[in-house]
Structure formats: C-alpha cells, structure tokens
C-alpha cells in the first residue's frame, strides 16, 4: 500500500490550498480515509475523516473551513482548505483508517 500526498505549500492567512492523496495497492473504495496533521512540538491530530460511503467528520478547529472528499475512480482523497490561519501550519498526512498505512506528509505553512 502506498499513499502519496501532495498540494502543500506556503500561503497567506485567509488563503486556500487543496491537498491530494493518491492511494495505490489497496481497494481504495472500501477504505475509510483521513487527514491528520502534526505541528512542531505537538502530537498528531485528526483533521477530517471520510468513510467508504462518504460520511465526513471534522475537528472543531477546521469545521466550516475545510472539506474532505474522495474520488473512488482516481483513488484519491482530497482536503480543500479555505480561510487558512497561521495555526493551521503543520505537516499534513493522509491515512487509511484502521491500518498502518500513512502518507509521507505534505507541509502547509500559513503566514500571518
């Protein structure tokens, strides 16, 4: 199983980014997927999850600003991030829930 995350970068506060995570070597459409993040000196935390059937859940800190979605044809899960804040700065990881599979992480830096 491989997860390839991309889309991170440097953005000003209030800006937007879209992260993508391409999954291979797994039956993607049957998997629950999630985006997690880890800021310097902090523990990794859940940002958003999406079930195989498309139900979503968000951390309260990103509710209303971030949207997780999936494309089962492209084997890809997305995280649309709007109205970014400096406290969103972190390495973002995609993950197959209830597995040991993690992406390599993509860095998001939000400047004030």
Protein backbone atom coordinates (compact mmCIF):
# COMPACT_ATOMS: atom_id res chain seq x y z
CA UNK A 1 0.00 0.00 0.00
CA UNK A 2 1.27 3.46 -0.89
CA UNK A 3 -0.18 6.87 -0.12
CA UNK A 4 1.25 9.84 -2.00
CA UNK A 5 0.26 13.22 -0.58
CA UNK A 6 0.74 16.49 -2.41
CA UNK A 7 -0.51 20.05 -2.56
CA UNK A 8 1.12 21.66 0.44
CA UNK A 9 2.88 24.98 0.28
CA UNK A 10 3.18 28.49 1.66
CA UNK A 11 0.07 30.63 1.74
CA UNK A 12 -1.00 33.82 3.43
CA UNK A 13 -3.64 33.81 6.12
CA UNK A 14 -7.08 33.75 4.54
CA UNK A 15 -5.83 31.83 1.54
CA UNK A 16 -6.68 28.36 0.28
CA UNK A 17 -4.92 25.13 -0.57
CA UNK A 18 -6.11 21.74 -1.78
CA UNK A 19 -4.28 18.64 -0.65
CA UNK A 20 -4.46 15.40 -2.60
CA UNK A 21 -3.58 11.86 -1.57
CA UNK A 22 -3.29 9.15 -4.20
CA UNK A 23 -3.67 5.60 -2.91
CA UNK A 24 -2.28 2.54 -4.64
CA UNK A 25 -2.07 -1.13 -3.78
CA UNK A 26 -5.35 -1.16 -1.93
CA UNK A 27 -9.05 -1.43 -2.67
CA UNK A 28 -9.48 2.28 -2.09
CA UNK A 29 -13.25 2.46 -2.44
CA UNK A 30 -13.70 0.20 0.60
CA UNK A 31 -11.42 2.19 2.88
CA UNK A 32 -12.21 4.88 5.42
CA UNK A 33 -9.72 7.69 4.91
CA UNK A 34 -8.46 10.55 7.00
CA UNK A 35 -6.29 13.63 7.01
CA UNK A 36 -4.16 14.28 10.07
CA UNK A 37 -1.68 16.98 10.92
CA UNK A 38 1.27 17.48 13.20
CA UNK A 39 2.57 20.90 14.15
CA UNK A 40 6.09 21.36 15.57
CA UNK A 41 6.25 20.12 19.14
CA UNK A 42 2.66 18.88 19.03
CA UNK A 43 1.03 15.48 18.79
CA UNK A 44 -0.50 14.32 15.55
CA UNK A 45 -4.21 15.13 15.44
CA UNK A 46 -7.15 14.19 13.29
CA UNK A 47 -8.32 16.92 10.94
CA UNK A 48 -11.02 15.24 8.86
CA UNK A 49 -12.23 11.77 8.03
CA UNK A 50 -14.41 10.28 5.32
CA UNK A 51 -15.96 6.83 5.36
CA UNK A 52 -16.12 4.47 2.41
CA UNK A 53 -19.70 5.63 1.90
CA UNK A 54 -18.78 9.30 2.04
CA UNK A 55 -19.78 10.35 5.54
CA UNK A 56 -17.49 13.03 6.88
CA UNK A 57 -16.30 14.26 10.24
CA UNK A 58 -14.17 17.27 11.14
CA UNK A 59 -12.15 18.60 14.02
CA UNK A 60 -13.90 21.55 15.59
CA UNK A 61 -10.93 23.79 14.75
CA UNK A 62 -11.44 23.31 10.99
CA UNK A 63 -15.22 22.83 10.79
CA UNK A 64 -16.67 25.15 8.17
CA UNK A 65 -13.28 25.91 6.62
CA UNK A 66 -12.01 22.51 5.45
CA UNK A 67 -13.76 19.96 3.25
CA UNK A 68 -12.70 16.35 2.79
CA UNK A 69 -13.81 14.48 -0.30
CA UNK A 70 -12.89 11.40 -2.28
CA UNK A 71 -12.82 10.21 -5.88
CA UNK A 72 -13.03 6.43 -5.97
CA UNK A 73 -12.25 6.39 -9.71
CA UNK A 74 -8.99 8.25 -9.19
CA UNK A 75 -8.22 6.50 -5.87
CA UNK A 76 -7.70 9.92 -4.35
CA UNK A 77 -8.81 11.70 -1.21
CA UNK A 78 -8.77 15.49 -1.07
CA UNK A 79 -8.69 18.15 1.61
CA UNK A 80 -9.87 21.57 0.50
CA UNK A 81 -8.65 24.13 3.00
CA UNK A 82 -10.13 27.63 2.93
CA UNK A 83 -9.64 30.66 5.15
CA UNK A 84 -6.36 29.25 6.37
CA UNK A 85 -4.95 30.50 9.66
CA UNK A 86 -1.38 30.53 10.98
CA UNK A 87 -2.38 27.84 13.49
CA UNK A 88 -3.11 25.50 10.56
CA UNK A 89 0.64 25.36 9.89
CA UNK A 90 1.66 21.70 10.11
CA UNK A 91 2.68 18.64 8.18
CA UNK A 92 -0.46 17.03 6.84
CA UNK A 93 -0.70 13.26 6.45
CA UNK A 94 -3.27 11.07 4.79
CA UNK A 95 -4.11 7.75 6.39
CA UNK A 96 -6.12 4.64 5.77
CA UNK A 97 -8.10 4.39 8.99
CA UNK A 98 -7.65 1.18 10.98
CA UNK A 99 -4.44 0.40 9.11
CA UNK A 100 -0.77 1.14 9.42
CA UNK A 101 -0.70 2.97 6.09
CA UNK A 102 0.34 6.64 6.22
CA UNK A 103 1.37 9.04 3.50
CA UNK A 104 4.72 10.79 3.62
CA UNK A 105 3.24 14.12 4.66
CA UNK A 106 2.99 17.46 2.93
CA UNK A 107 3.95 20.73 4.62
CA UNK A 108 1.43 23.53 4.89
CA UNK A 109 2.74 26.88 6.09
CA UNK A 110 0.37 29.77 6.69
CA UNK A 111 1.91 33.19 7.16
CA UNK A 112 0.20 35.96 9.10
